[in-house]
C-alpha atoms as a PDB file:
ATOM      1  CA  MET A   1     129.756 144.930 119.865  1.00  0.00           C
ATOM      2  CA  ILE A   2     133.319 144.632 118.462  1.00  0.00           C
ATOM      3  CA  LYS A   3     134.458 142.610 121.466  1.00  0.00           C
ATOM      4  CA  SER A   4     131.691 140.088 120.827  1.00  0.00           C
ATOM      5  CA  ILE A   5     132.451 139.993 117.173  1.00  0.00           C
ATOM      6  CA  ASN A   6     136.037 139.207 117.795  1.00  0.00           C
ATOM      7  CA  ILE A   7     134.991 136.442 120.245  1.00  0.00           C
ATOM      8  CA  ILE A   8     133.052 134.867 117.361  1.00  0.00           C
ATOM      9  CA  LEU A   9     135.703 135.260 114.807  1.00  0.00           C
ATOM     10  CA  LYS A  10     138.792 134.300 116.970  1.00  0.00           C
ATOM     11  CA  LYS A  11     137.390 131.908 119.598  1.00  0.00           C
ATOM     12  CA  CYS A  12     134.213 130.455 118.261  1.00  0.00           C
ATOM     13  CA  LEU A  13     135.452 130.023 114.692  1.00  0.00           C
ATOM     14  CA  ALA A  14     139.132 130.214 115.248  1.00  0.00           C
ATOM     15  CA  ILE A  15     139.846 131.865 111.913  1.00  0.00           C
ATOM     16  CA  ASN A  16     143.484 132.185 110.828  1.00  0.00           C
ATOM     17  CA  GLU A  17     145.296 134.252 108.268  1.00  0.00           C
ATOM     18  CA  HIS A  18     145.465 131.516 105.689  1.00  0.00           C
ATOM     19  CA  GLU A  19     141.759 130.808 105.471  1.00  0.00           C
ATOM     20  CA  SER A  20     139.056 132.070 103.193  1.00  0.00           C
ATOM     21  CA  VAL A  21     135.864 133.455 104.839  1.00  0.00           C
ATOM     22  CA  LEU A  22     132.406 133.894 103.215  1.00  0.00           C
ATOM     23  CA  ILE A  23     129.759 136.051 104.840  1.00  0.00           C
ATOM     24  CA  ILE A  24     126.305 135.803 103.471  1.00  0.00           C
ATOM     25  CA  THR A  25     123.741 138.516 104.449  1.00  0.00           C
ATOM     26  CA  ASP A  26     120.798 140.389 103.137  1.00  0.00           C
ATOM     27  CA  SER A  27     119.605 144.053 102.971  1.00  0.00           C
ATOM     28  CA  LYS A  28     118.143 144.016 106.478  1.00  0.00           C
ATOM     29  CA  LEU A  29     121.274 142.660 108.199  1.00  0.00           C
ATOM     30  CA  TYR A  30     123.922 144.112 105.959  1.00  0.00           C
ATOM     31  CA  SER A  31     125.151 146.776 108.489  1.00  0.00           C
ATOM     32  CA  ILE A  32     125.862 144.042 111.024  1.00  0.00           C
ATOM     33  CA  ALA A  33     127.508 141.783 108.460  1.00  0.00           C
ATOM     34  CA  LYS A  34     129.709 144.642 107.398  1.00  0.00           C
ATOM     35  CA  LEU A  35     131.146 144.972 110.961  1.00  0.00           C
ATOM     36  CA  PHE A  36     132.018 141.173 110.863  1.00  0.00           C
ATOM     37  CA  PHE A  37     133.524 141.674 107.345  1.00  0.00           C
ATOM     38  CA  ASN A  38     135.693 144.646 108.687  1.00  0.00           C
ATOM     39  CA  GLN A  39     136.940 142.644 111.614  1.00  0.00           C
ATOM     40  CA  ALA A  40     137.557 139.441 109.605  1.00  0.00           C
ATOM     41  CA  LYS A  41     139.729 141.518 107.224  1.00  0.00           C
ATOM     42  CA  LYS A  42     141.978 142.163 110.123  1.00  0.00           C
ATOM     43  CA  ILE A  43     142.630 138.455 110.351  1.00  0.00           C
ATOM     44  CA  THR A  44     142.695 137.337 106.737  1.00  0.00           C
ATOM     45  CA  ASN A  45     142.650 139.185 103.390  1.00  0.00           C
ATOM     46  CA  ASN A  46     140.471 136.458 101.807  1.00  0.00           C
ATOM     47  CA  VAL A  47     136.935 137.685 103.037  1.00  0.00           C
ATOM     48  CA  LYS A  48     133.941 137.794 100.734  1.00  0.00           C
ATOM     49  CA  LEU A  49     130.597 139.428 101.636  1.00  0.00           C
ATOM     50  CA  VAL A  50     127.544 138.679  99.441  1.00  0.00           C
ATOM     51  CA  LYS A  51     123.907 139.680  99.763  1.00  0.00           C
ATOM     52  CA  ILE A  52     120.900 137.419  99.050  1.00  0.00           C
ATOM     53  CA  ARG A  53     117.171 138.104  98.835  1.00  0.00           C
ATOM     54  CA  ILE A  54     115.070 137.662 101.913  1.00  0.00           C
ATOM     55  CA  PRO A  55     112.773 134.624 101.524  1.00  0.00           C
ATOM     56  CA  LYS A  56     109.374 134.272 103.128  1.00  0.00           C
ATOM     57  CA  VAL A  57     110.293 131.521 105.641  1.00  0.00           C
ATOM     58  CA  SER A  58     113.410 130.087 107.272  1.00  0.00           C
ATOM     59  CA  GLY A  59     114.757 126.953 105.661  1.00  0.00           C
ATOM     60  CA  THR A  60     114.423 128.223 102.125  1.00  0.00           C
ATOM     61  CA  GLU A  61     117.371 127.139  99.846  1.00  0.00           C
ATOM     62  CA  PRO A  62     119.617 129.973  98.538  1.00  0.00           C
ATOM     63  CA  ASP A  63     119.908 130.199  94.812  1.00  0.00           C
ATOM     64  CA  LYS A  64     122.279 127.824  93.004  1.00  0.00           C
ATOM     65  CA  LYS A  65     124.922 130.415  92.575  1.00  0.00           C
ATOM     66  CA  ILE A  66     125.161 131.074  96.319  1.00  0.00           C
ATOM     67  CA  ALA A  67     125.034 127.271  97.063  1.00  0.00           C
ATOM     68  CA  LYS A  68     127.913 126.801  94.762  1.00  0.00           C
ATOM     69  CA  GLU A  69     129.879 129.642  96.347  1.00  0.00           C
ATOM     70  CA  MET A  70     129.379 128.127  99.877  1.00  0.00           C
ATOM     71  CA  LEU A  71     131.473 124.991  98.622  1.00  0.00           C
ATOM     72  CA  LYS A  72     134.546 127.242  98.186  1.00  0.00           C
ATOM     73  CA  HIS A  73     135.366 128.515 101.690  1.00  0.00           C
ATOM     74  CA  ASN A  74     136.936 127.394 104.926  1.00  0.00           C
ATOM     75  CA  VAL A  75     134.731 129.510 107.196  1.00  0.00           C
ATOM     76  CA  GLU A  76     131.264 130.908 106.753  1.00  0.00           C
ATOM     77  CA  LEU A  77     128.979 133.186 108.613  1.00  0.00           C
ATOM     78  CA  LEU A  78     125.430 133.131 107.514  1.00  0.00           C
ATOM     79  CA  ILE A  79     123.991 136.420 108.878  1.00  0.00           C
ATOM     80  CA  THR A  80     120.544 136.479 107.363  1.00  0.00           C
ATOM     81  CA  THR A  81     117.041 137.523 108.274  1.00  0.00           C
ATOM     82  CA  LYS A  82     115.646 134.033 107.664  1.00  0.00           C
ATOM     83  CA  SER A  83     117.650 130.927 108.714  1.00  0.00           C
ATOM     84  CA  LEU A  84     119.849 128.937 106.318  1.00  0.00           C
ATOM     85  CA  SER A  85     120.637 126.512 109.161  1.00  0.00           C
ATOM     86  CA  HIS A  86     118.337 123.737 107.868  1.00  0.00           C
ATOM     87  CA  THR A  87     119.246 123.830 104.113  1.00  0.00           C
ATOM     88  CA  LYS A  88     120.926 121.434 101.766  1.00  0.00           C
ATOM     89  CA  ALA A  89     123.314 124.202 100.812  1.00  0.00           C
ATOM     90  CA  ARG A  90     124.549 124.693 104.417  1.00  0.00           C
ATOM     91  CA  LYS A  91     124.772 120.827 104.943  1.00  0.00           C
ATOM     92  CA  ASN A  92     126.689 120.377 101.588  1.00  0.00           C
ATOM     93  CA  ALA A  93     129.167 123.122 102.504  1.00  0.00           C
ATOM     94  CA  CYS A  94     129.913 121.436 105.908  1.00  0.00           C
ATOM     95  CA  ASN A  95     130.204 118.085 104.230  1.00  0.00           C
ATOM     96  CA  LYS A  96     132.876 119.705 102.051  1.00  0.00           C
ATOM     97  CA  GLY A  97     134.718 120.837 105.223  1.00  0.00           C
ATOM     98  CA  ALA A  98     133.482 124.342 105.817  1.00  0.00           C
ATOM     99  CA  ARG A  99     133.141 125.577 109.413  1.00  0.00           C
ATOM    100  CA  ILE A 100     129.829 127.488 109.510  1.00  0.00           C
ATOM    101  CA  THR A 101     127.829 129.443 111.982  1.00  0.00           C
ATOM    102  CA  THR A 102     124.324 130.832 111.317  1.00  0.00           C
ATOM    103  CA  MET A 103     122.936 134.016 112.887  1.00  0.00           C
ATOM    104  CA  PRO A 104     119.431 134.311 111.575  1.00  0.00           C
ATOM    105  CA  GLY A 105     117.554 137.472 112.663  1.00  0.00           C
ATOM    106  CA  THR A 106     120.458 138.651 114.905  1.00  0.00           C
ATOM    107  CA  ASN A 107     120.795 142.132 116.245  1.00  0.00           C
ATOM    108  CA  LYS A 108     123.316 144.264 118.029  1.00  0.00           C
ATOM    109  CA  ASP A 109     121.818 143.883 121.548  1.00  0.00           C
ATOM    110  CA  MET A 110     121.787 140.095 121.143  1.00  0.00           C
ATOM    111  CA  ILE A 111     125.368 139.972 120.085  1.00  0.00           C
ATOM    112  CA  LYS A 112     126.522 142.264 122.823  1.00  0.00           C
ATOM    113  CA  ARG A 113     124.505 140.442 125.564  1.00  0.00           C
ATOM    114  CA  ALA A 114     124.676 136.667 124.712  1.00  0.00           C
ATOM    115  CA  ILE A 115     128.038 135.987 123.005  1.00  0.00           C
ATOM    116  CA  ASP A 116     130.498 136.889 125.824  1.00  0.00           C
ATOM    117  CA  ILE A 117     129.828 133.872 128.056  1.00  0.00           C
ATOM    118  CA  ASN A 118     131.775 131.178 129.826  1.00  0.00           C
ATOM    119  CA  TYR A 119     132.116 128.554 126.951  1.00  0.00           C
ATOM    120  CA  ASN A 120     133.771 126.010 129.170  1.00  0.00           C
ATOM    121  CA  LYS A 121     130.912 126.025 131.613  1.00  0.00           C
ATOM    122  CA  LEU A 122     128.436 125.869 128.754  1.00  0.00           C
ATOM    123  CA  LYS A 123     130.176 122.828 127.243  1.00  0.00           C
ATOM    124  CA  LYS A 124     129.933 120.930 130.558  1.00  0.00           C
ATOM    125  CA  ILE A 125     126.243 121.550 130.859  1.00  0.00           C
ATOM    126  CA  ASN A 126     125.620 120.764 127.188  1.00  0.00           C
ATOM    127  CA  LYS A 127     127.596 117.482 127.316  1.00  0.00           C
ATOM    128  CA  LYS A 128     125.651 116.211 130.208  1.00  0.00           C
ATOM    129  CA  LEU A 129     122.282 116.883 128.572  1.00  0.00           C
ATOM    130  CA  ALA A 130     123.486 115.526 125.232  1.00  0.00           C
ATOM    131  CA  ASP A 131     124.714 112.241 126.835  1.00  0.00           C
ATOM    132  CA  ILE A 132     121.263 111.882 128.468  1.00  0.00           C
ATOM    133  CA  PHE A 133     119.482 112.568 125.159  1.00  0.00           C
ATOM    134  CA  ASP A 134     121.609 109.976 123.343  1.00  0.00           C
ATOM    135  CA  LYS A 135     120.796 107.261 125.778  1.00  0.00           C
ATOM    136  CA  GLY A 136     117.152 108.185 126.158  1.00  0.00           C
ATOM    137  CA  LYS A 137     114.121 106.625 124.405  1.00  0.00           C
ATOM    138  CA  LYS A 138     111.078 108.558 125.554  1.00  0.00           C
ATOM    139  CA  VAL A 139     110.646 112.225 126.410  1.00  0.00           C
ATOM    140  CA  LYS A 140     107.712 113.719 128.373  1.00  0.00           C
ATOM    141  CA  ILE A 141     107.174 117.448 128.820  1.00  0.00           C
ATOM    142  CA  ILE A 142     104.562 119.092 131.144  1.00  0.00           C
ATOM    143  CA  THR A 143     103.960 122.541 132.378  1.00  0.00           C
ATOM    144  CA  LYS A 144     101.536 124.254 134.729  1.00  0.00           C
ATOM    145  CA  LEU A 145      99.812 125.884 131.758  1.00  0.00           C
ATOM    146  CA  GLY A 146      98.816 122.388 130.525  1.00  0.00           C
ATOM    147  CA  THR A 147     101.533 121.111 128.287  1.00  0.00           C
ATOM    148  CA  ASP A 148     101.490 117.326 128.250  1.00  0.00           C
ATOM    149  CA  ILE A 149     103.322 115.755 125.289  1.00  0.00           C
ATOM    150  CA  SER A 150     105.526 112.756 124.873  1.00  0.00           C
ATOM    151  CA  PHE A 151     107.565 111.314 121.916  1.00  0.00           C
ATOM    152  CA  ASN A 152     110.317 108.906 121.087  1.00  0.00           C
ATOM    153  CA  ILE A 153     113.964 109.907 120.583  1.00  0.00           C
ATOM    154  CA  LYS A 154     115.471 106.344 120.365  1.00  0.00           C
ATOM    155  CA  GLY A 155     118.265 106.005 117.913  1.00  0.00           C
ATOM    156  CA  ARG A 156     118.525 109.814 117.314  1.00  0.00           C
ATOM    157  CA  LYS A 157     121.672 111.763 118.121  1.00  0.00           C
ATOM    158  CA  ALA A 158     121.720 114.873 120.228  1.00  0.00           C
ATOM    159  CA  HIS A 159     123.398 118.088 119.007  1.00  0.00           C
ATOM    160  CA  GLY A 160     124.984 120.818 121.139  1.00  0.00           C
ATOM    161  CA  ARG A 161     128.273 119.420 122.430  1.00  0.00           C
ATOM    162  CA  LYS A 162     130.277 121.853 120.418  1.00  0.00           C
ATOM    163  CA  SER A 163     128.808 124.566 122.596  1.00  0.00           C
ATOM    164  CA  GLY A 164     129.680 127.464 120.232  1.00  0.00           C
ATOM    165  CA  ILE A 165     133.200 126.401 119.359  1.00  0.00           C
ATOM    166  CA  TYR A 166     133.238 125.539 115.616  1.00  0.00           C
ATOM    167  CA  ASP A 167     137.017 125.129 115.185  1.00  0.00           C
ATOM    168  CA  LYS A 168     137.137 121.940 113.134  1.00  0.00           C
ATOM    169  CA  LYS A 169     136.258 121.065 109.554  1.00  0.00           C
ATOM    170  CA  GLY A 170     132.679 120.592 108.984  1.00  0.00           C
ATOM    171  CA  TYR A 171     131.552 121.898 112.362  1.00  0.00           C
ATOM    172  CA  PHE A 172     128.240 123.862 112.407  1.00  0.00           C
ATOM    173  CA  GLY A 173     126.061 125.698 114.761  1.00  0.00           C
ATOM    174  CA  ASN A 174     124.294 129.014 115.401  1.00  0.00           C
ATOM    175  CA  LEU A 175     125.388 131.870 117.606  1.00  0.00           C
ATOM    176  CA  PRO A 176     124.582 132.838 120.291  1.00  0.00           C
ATOM    177  CA  GLU A 177     124.972 129.350 121.476  1.00  0.00           C
ATOM    178  CA  GLY A 178     123.276 127.612 124.386  1.00  0.00           C
ATOM    179  CA  GLU A 179     121.020 124.594 123.457  1.00  0.00           C
ATOM    180  CA  VAL A 180     121.042 120.958 123.213  1.00  0.00           C
ATOM    181  CA  PHE A 181     118.567 119.547 120.772  1.00  0.00           C
ATOM    182  CA  ILE A 182     117.504 116.389 118.987  1.00  0.00           C
ATOM    183  CA  ALA A 183     114.993 115.342 116.230  1.00  0.00           C
ATOM    184  CA  PRO A 184     112.082 113.206 117.692  1.00  0.00           C
ATOM    185  CA  VAL A 185     111.388 110.039 115.769  1.00  0.00           C
ATOM    186  CA  GLU A 186     108.704 111.054 113.192  1.00  0.00           C
ATOM    187  CA  LYS A 187     105.085 110.082 113.984  1.00  0.00           C
ATOM    188  CA  THR A 188     105.764 109.349 117.628  1.00  0.00           C
ATOM    189  CA  ALA A 189     104.671 112.642 119.276  1.00  0.00           C
ATOM    190  CA  ASN A 190     101.258 112.817 120.869  1.00  0.00           C
ATOM    191  CA  GLY A 191      99.688 115.328 123.298  1.00  0.00           C
ATOM    192  CA  ILE A 192      99.516 119.094 123.706  1.00  0.00           C
ATOM    193  CA  PHE A 193     102.302 121.697 124.035  1.00  0.00           C
ATOM    194  CA  ILE A 194     101.615 125.280 125.036  1.00  0.00           C
ATOM    195  CA  VAL A 195     103.980 127.834 123.797  1.00  0.00           C
ATOM    196  CA  ASP A 196     104.043 130.871 126.159  1.00  0.00           C
ATOM    197  CA  ALA A 197     107.232 132.683 125.250  1.00  0.00           C
ATOM    198  CA  SER A 198     107.611 133.105 121.484  1.00  0.00           C
ATOM    199  CA  PHE A 199     107.143 131.208 118.250  1.00  0.00           C
ATOM    200  CA  ALA A 200     109.178 131.668 115.085  1.00  0.00           C
ATOM    201  CA  GLY A 201     107.062 133.275 112.354  1.00  0.00           C
ATOM    202  CA  ILE A 202     105.033 135.103 114.945  1.00  0.00           C
ATOM    203  CA  GLY A 203     107.360 136.603 117.560  1.00  0.00           C
ATOM    204  CA  LYS A 204     106.951 137.210 121.274  1.00  0.00           C
ATOM    205  CA  LEU A 205     103.592 136.128 122.612  1.00  0.00           C
ATOM    206  CA  LYS A 206     101.407 138.164 124.922  1.00  0.00           C
ATOM    207  CA  LYS A 207      99.083 135.100 125.423  1.00  0.00           C
ATOM    208  CA  SER A 208      99.814 131.372 124.973  1.00  0.00           C
ATOM    209  CA  LEU A 209      99.407 129.312 121.749  1.00  0.00           C
ATOM    210  CA  LYS A 210      98.135 125.782 122.345  1.00  0.00           C
ATOM    211  CA  VAL A 211      99.311 123.155 119.730  1.00  0.00           C
ATOM    212  CA  TYR A 212      97.423 119.793 119.537  1.00  0.00           C
ATOM    213  CA  VAL A 213      99.689 116.879 118.270  1.00  0.00           C
ATOM    214  CA  GLU A 214      98.692 113.524 116.949  1.00  0.00           C
ATOM    215  CA  ASN A 215     100.969 110.822 115.508  1.00  0.00           C
ATOM    216  CA  GLY A 216     103.919 113.365 115.069  1.00  0.00           C
ATOM    217  CA  HIS A 217     101.977 116.189 113.506  1.00  0.00           C
ATOM    218  CA  ALA A 218     100.404 119.469 114.835  1.00  0.00           C
ATOM    219  CA  VAL A 219      96.772 118.946 113.943  1.00  0.00           C
ATOM    220  CA  ASN A 220      95.224 122.116 115.445  1.00  0.00           C
ATOM    221  CA  PHE A 221      96.053 125.397 117.078  1.00  0.00           C
ATOM    222  CA  LYS A 222      94.241 127.519 119.586  1.00  0.00           C
ATOM    223  CA  GLY A 223      95.094 130.861 121.182  1.00  0.00           C
ATOM    224  CA  GLU A 224      97.095 133.823 120.091  1.00  0.00           C
ATOM    225  CA  LYS A 225      97.981 134.068 116.340  1.00  0.00           C
ATOM    226  CA  SER A 226      96.574 130.626 115.761  1.00  0.00           C
ATOM    227  CA  LYS A 227      95.094 131.535 112.471  1.00  0.00           C
ATOM    228  CA  LYS A 228      98.440 133.047 111.360  1.00  0.00           C
ATOM    229  CA  MET A 229     100.257 129.829 112.202  1.00  0.00           C
ATOM    230  CA  LYS A 230      97.823 127.714 110.295  1.00  0.00           C
ATOM    231  CA  ASN A 231      98.088 129.858 107.183  1.00  0.00           C
ATOM    232  CA  LEU A 232     101.897 129.829 107.383  1.00  0.00           C
ATOM    233  CA  LEU A 233     102.053 126.048 107.708  1.00  0.00           C
ATOM    234  CA  ASN A 234      99.396 125.490 104.974  1.00  0.00           C
ATOM    235  CA  SER A 235     101.341 127.579 102.508  1.00  0.00           C
ATOM    236  CA  VAL A 236     104.102 124.999 102.727  1.00  0.00           C
ATOM    237  CA  GLY A 237     102.221 121.748 103.009  1.00  0.00           C
ATOM    238  CA  ASN A 238     101.341 118.932 105.492  1.00  0.00           C
ATOM    239  CA  GLN A 239     105.018 118.150 106.256  1.00  0.00           C
ATOM    240  CA  ALA A 240     105.329 121.636 107.827  1.00  0.00           C
ATOM    241  CA  ARG A 241     103.318 120.249 110.784  1.00  0.00           C
ATOM    242  CA  ASN A 242     105.947 117.606 111.551  1.00  0.00           C
ATOM    243  CA  ILE A 243     107.242 117.646 115.132  1.00  0.00           C
ATOM    244  CA  ALA A 244     110.836 118.425 114.090  1.00  0.00           C
ATOM    245  CA  GLU A 245     112.885 119.203 117.081  1.00  0.00           C
ATOM    246  CA  PHE A 246     113.093 119.163 120.925  1.00  0.00           C
ATOM    247  CA  GLY A 247     115.616 121.303 122.585  1.00  0.00           C
ATOM    248  CA  ILE A 248     116.484 122.776 125.988  1.00  0.00           C
ATOM    249  CA  GLY A 249     118.105 126.282 126.520  1.00  0.00           C
ATOM    250  CA  THR A 250     121.417 126.623 128.422  1.00  0.00           C
ATOM    251  CA  ASN A 251     122.606 130.155 127.910  1.00  0.00           C
ATOM    252  CA  GLU A 252     122.596 132.038 131.164  1.00  0.00           C
ATOM    253  CA  LYS A 253     122.800 135.563 129.537  1.00  0.00           C
ATOM    254  CA  ALA A 254     120.102 134.883 126.771  1.00  0.00           C
ATOM    255  CA  LYS A 255     116.482 136.335 127.460  1.00  0.00           C
ATOM    256  CA  ILE A 256     113.239 136.182 125.787  1.00  0.00           C
ATOM    257  CA  THR A 257     112.970 139.125 123.305  1.00  0.00           C
ATOM    258  CA  GLY A 258     110.799 137.491 120.445  1.00  0.00           C
ATOM    259  CA  ASN A 259     113.687 136.537 118.398  1.00  0.00           C
ATOM    260  CA  THR A 260     113.931 132.793 118.091  1.00  0.00           C
ATOM    261  CA  LEU A 261     117.713 132.800 117.703  1.00  0.00           C
ATOM    262  CA  GLU A 262     118.154 133.959 121.223  1.00  0.00           C
ATOM    263  CA  ASP A 263     114.846 132.817 122.763  1.00  0.00           C
ATOM    264  CA  GLU A 264     115.586 129.075 122.202  1.00  0.00           C
ATOM    265  CA  LYS A 265     118.851 129.469 124.201  1.00  0.00           C
ATOM    266  CA  VAL A 266     117.364 130.831 127.344  1.00  0.00           C
ATOM    267  CA  LEU A 267     118.199 128.881 130.454  1.00  0.00           C
ATOM    268  CA  GLY A 268     114.981 127.445 132.057  1.00  0.00           C
ATOM    269  CA  THR A 269     113.085 126.947 128.788  1.00  0.00           C
ATOM    270  CA  CYS A 270     112.653 124.180 126.135  1.00  0.00           C
ATOM    271  CA  HIS A 271     111.438 124.309 122.613  1.00  0.00           C
ATOM    272  CA  ILE A 272     109.539 122.304 120.176  1.00  0.00           C
ATOM    273  CA  ALA A 273     109.878 122.975 116.473  1.00  0.00           C
ATOM    274  CA  LEU A 274     107.682 122.263 113.518  1.00  0.00           C
ATOM    275  CA  GLY A 275     108.932 121.404 109.968  1.00  0.00           C
ATOM    276  CA  ASN A 276     112.373 120.534 108.742  1.00  0.00           C
ATOM    277  CA  ASN A 277     114.640 118.332 110.707  1.00  0.00           C
ATOM    278  CA  PHE A 278     116.719 116.815 107.863  1.00  0.00           C
ATOM    279  CA  GLY A 279     119.807 118.806 108.852  1.00  0.00           C
ATOM    280  CA  PHE A 280     120.196 117.281 112.195  1.00  0.00           C
ATOM    281  CA  GLY A 281     119.194 113.653 111.948  1.00  0.00           C
ATOM    282  CA  GLY A 282     115.472 113.628 110.987  1.00  0.00           C
ATOM    283  CA  LYS A 283     113.763 112.582 107.740  1.00  0.00           C
ATOM    284  CA  VAL A 284     111.657 115.734 106.862  1.00  0.00           C
ATOM    285  CA  ASN A 285     113.231 118.156 104.316  1.00  0.00           C
ATOM    286  CA  ILE A 286     110.982 121.226 103.512  1.00  0.00           C
ATOM    287  CA  ALA A 287     111.498 124.919 103.338  1.00  0.00           C
ATOM    288  CA  LEU A 288     110.295 125.712 106.948  1.00  0.00           C
ATOM    289  CA  HIS A 289     111.425 125.419 110.483  1.00  0.00           C
ATOM    290  CA  LEU A 290     109.539 127.126 113.282  1.00  0.00           C
ATOM    291  CA  ASP A 291     110.571 126.891 116.939  1.00  0.00           C
ATOM    292  CA  GLY A 292     108.078 127.380 119.782  1.00  0.00           C
ATOM    293  CA  ILE A 293     109.568 128.299 123.144  1.00  0.00           C
ATOM    294  CA  ILE A 294     108.080 127.050 126.377  1.00  0.00           C
ATOM    295  CA  LYS A 295     108.878 128.560 129.778  1.00  0.00           C
ATOM    296  CA  LYS A 296     109.481 126.668 133.029  1.00  0.00           C
ATOM    297  CA  PRO A 297     108.907 123.091 131.710  1.00  0.00           C
ATOM    298  CA  THR A 298     109.247 119.900 133.636  1.00  0.00           C
ATOM    299  CA  ILE A 299     110.988 117.292 131.395  1.00  0.00           C
ATOM    300  CA  LEU A 300     111.374 113.619 131.969  1.00  0.00           C
ATOM    301  CA  ILE A 301     113.477 111.297 129.906  1.00  0.00           C
ATOM    302  CA  ASP A 302     112.763 107.563 130.482  1.00  0.00           C
ATOM    303  CA  ASN A 303     110.642 108.663 133.485  1.00  0.00           C
ATOM    304  CA  LYS A 304     113.688 110.379 135.010  1.00  0.00           C
ATOM    305  CA  LYS A 305     113.282 114.115 135.733  1.00  0.00           C
ATOM    306  CA  ILE A 306     115.937 116.238 134.179  1.00  0.00           C
ATOM    307  CA  MET A 307     114.244 119.566 134.679  1.00  0.00           C
ATOM    308  CA  LYS A 308     111.683 120.736 137.125  1.00  0.00           C
ATOM    309  CA  THR A 309     109.774 123.876 136.336  1.00  0.00           C
ATOM    310  CA  GLY A 310     112.696 125.425 134.438  1.00  0.00           C
ATOM    311  CA  ASN A 311     115.450 124.254 136.794  1.00  0.00           C
ATOM    312  CA  LEU A 312     118.015 121.800 135.500  1.00  0.00           C
ATOM    313  CA  LEU A 313     118.531 118.800 137.773  1.00  0.00           C
ATOM    314  CA  VAL A 314     121.668 117.477 135.901  1.00  0.00           C
END
């Protein structure tokens, strides 16, 4: 655990003795955050650990006092139960120059298993995929279970090239790292995707959840926990059904556990998210972002196959 924590602090974030570090956590993850605090104190004396309340859904803005505090530090670790990745507070702090990593819902096993990886190898894979995404116009995803969905990504920028190394001002990403992702153009997605690994807000799936998509919105759900998903989205509003993200997992050590932070990084999977995409190039800014992870997809970009039943072809 300590080895992985030091990889995050010294390699991924490259903290030095002259920098200020802010660690934001909550009651559920405080014990893990405290381990980061103790190790960070060995690098710099200027480390602050603060606790926030646990909101109902990921993407909820922290209170104004915390958002203001986030504008004051060089490096920030957001070790919280619900994600702060897709919030104005996080984005504003990065715009001010903070280097930030988020670790929503992390646990000790995940940190031990999926942090100590070959970051140079990961960077090469991620760059190849990101370059393909950037040049691409149309994405099509199919699976043996029945996924058949397409959408437009023209003009949108891929994310993931930093590959877990957030060593420059304004850099941001979550850890464990291992994904390349992009915001599909709003209202362009149509078809069906079948989530058979896990879905944020629900957890690991025993049976699959089918999502019907029309004009960029999830219009219906069938299968495991479909009622729970509908209630969750309805509590936020119609924009929660926006097809917000498409991503591919690239971390060889990650595995499906029911925790989205790790699940979306698993090599051989892709994910489609609903809700907020404002923080990475989209237009929808709401207090919800839910990733659905799909196993062994076949993926085509502009009719060129880049993954076949979970095997990367790039």
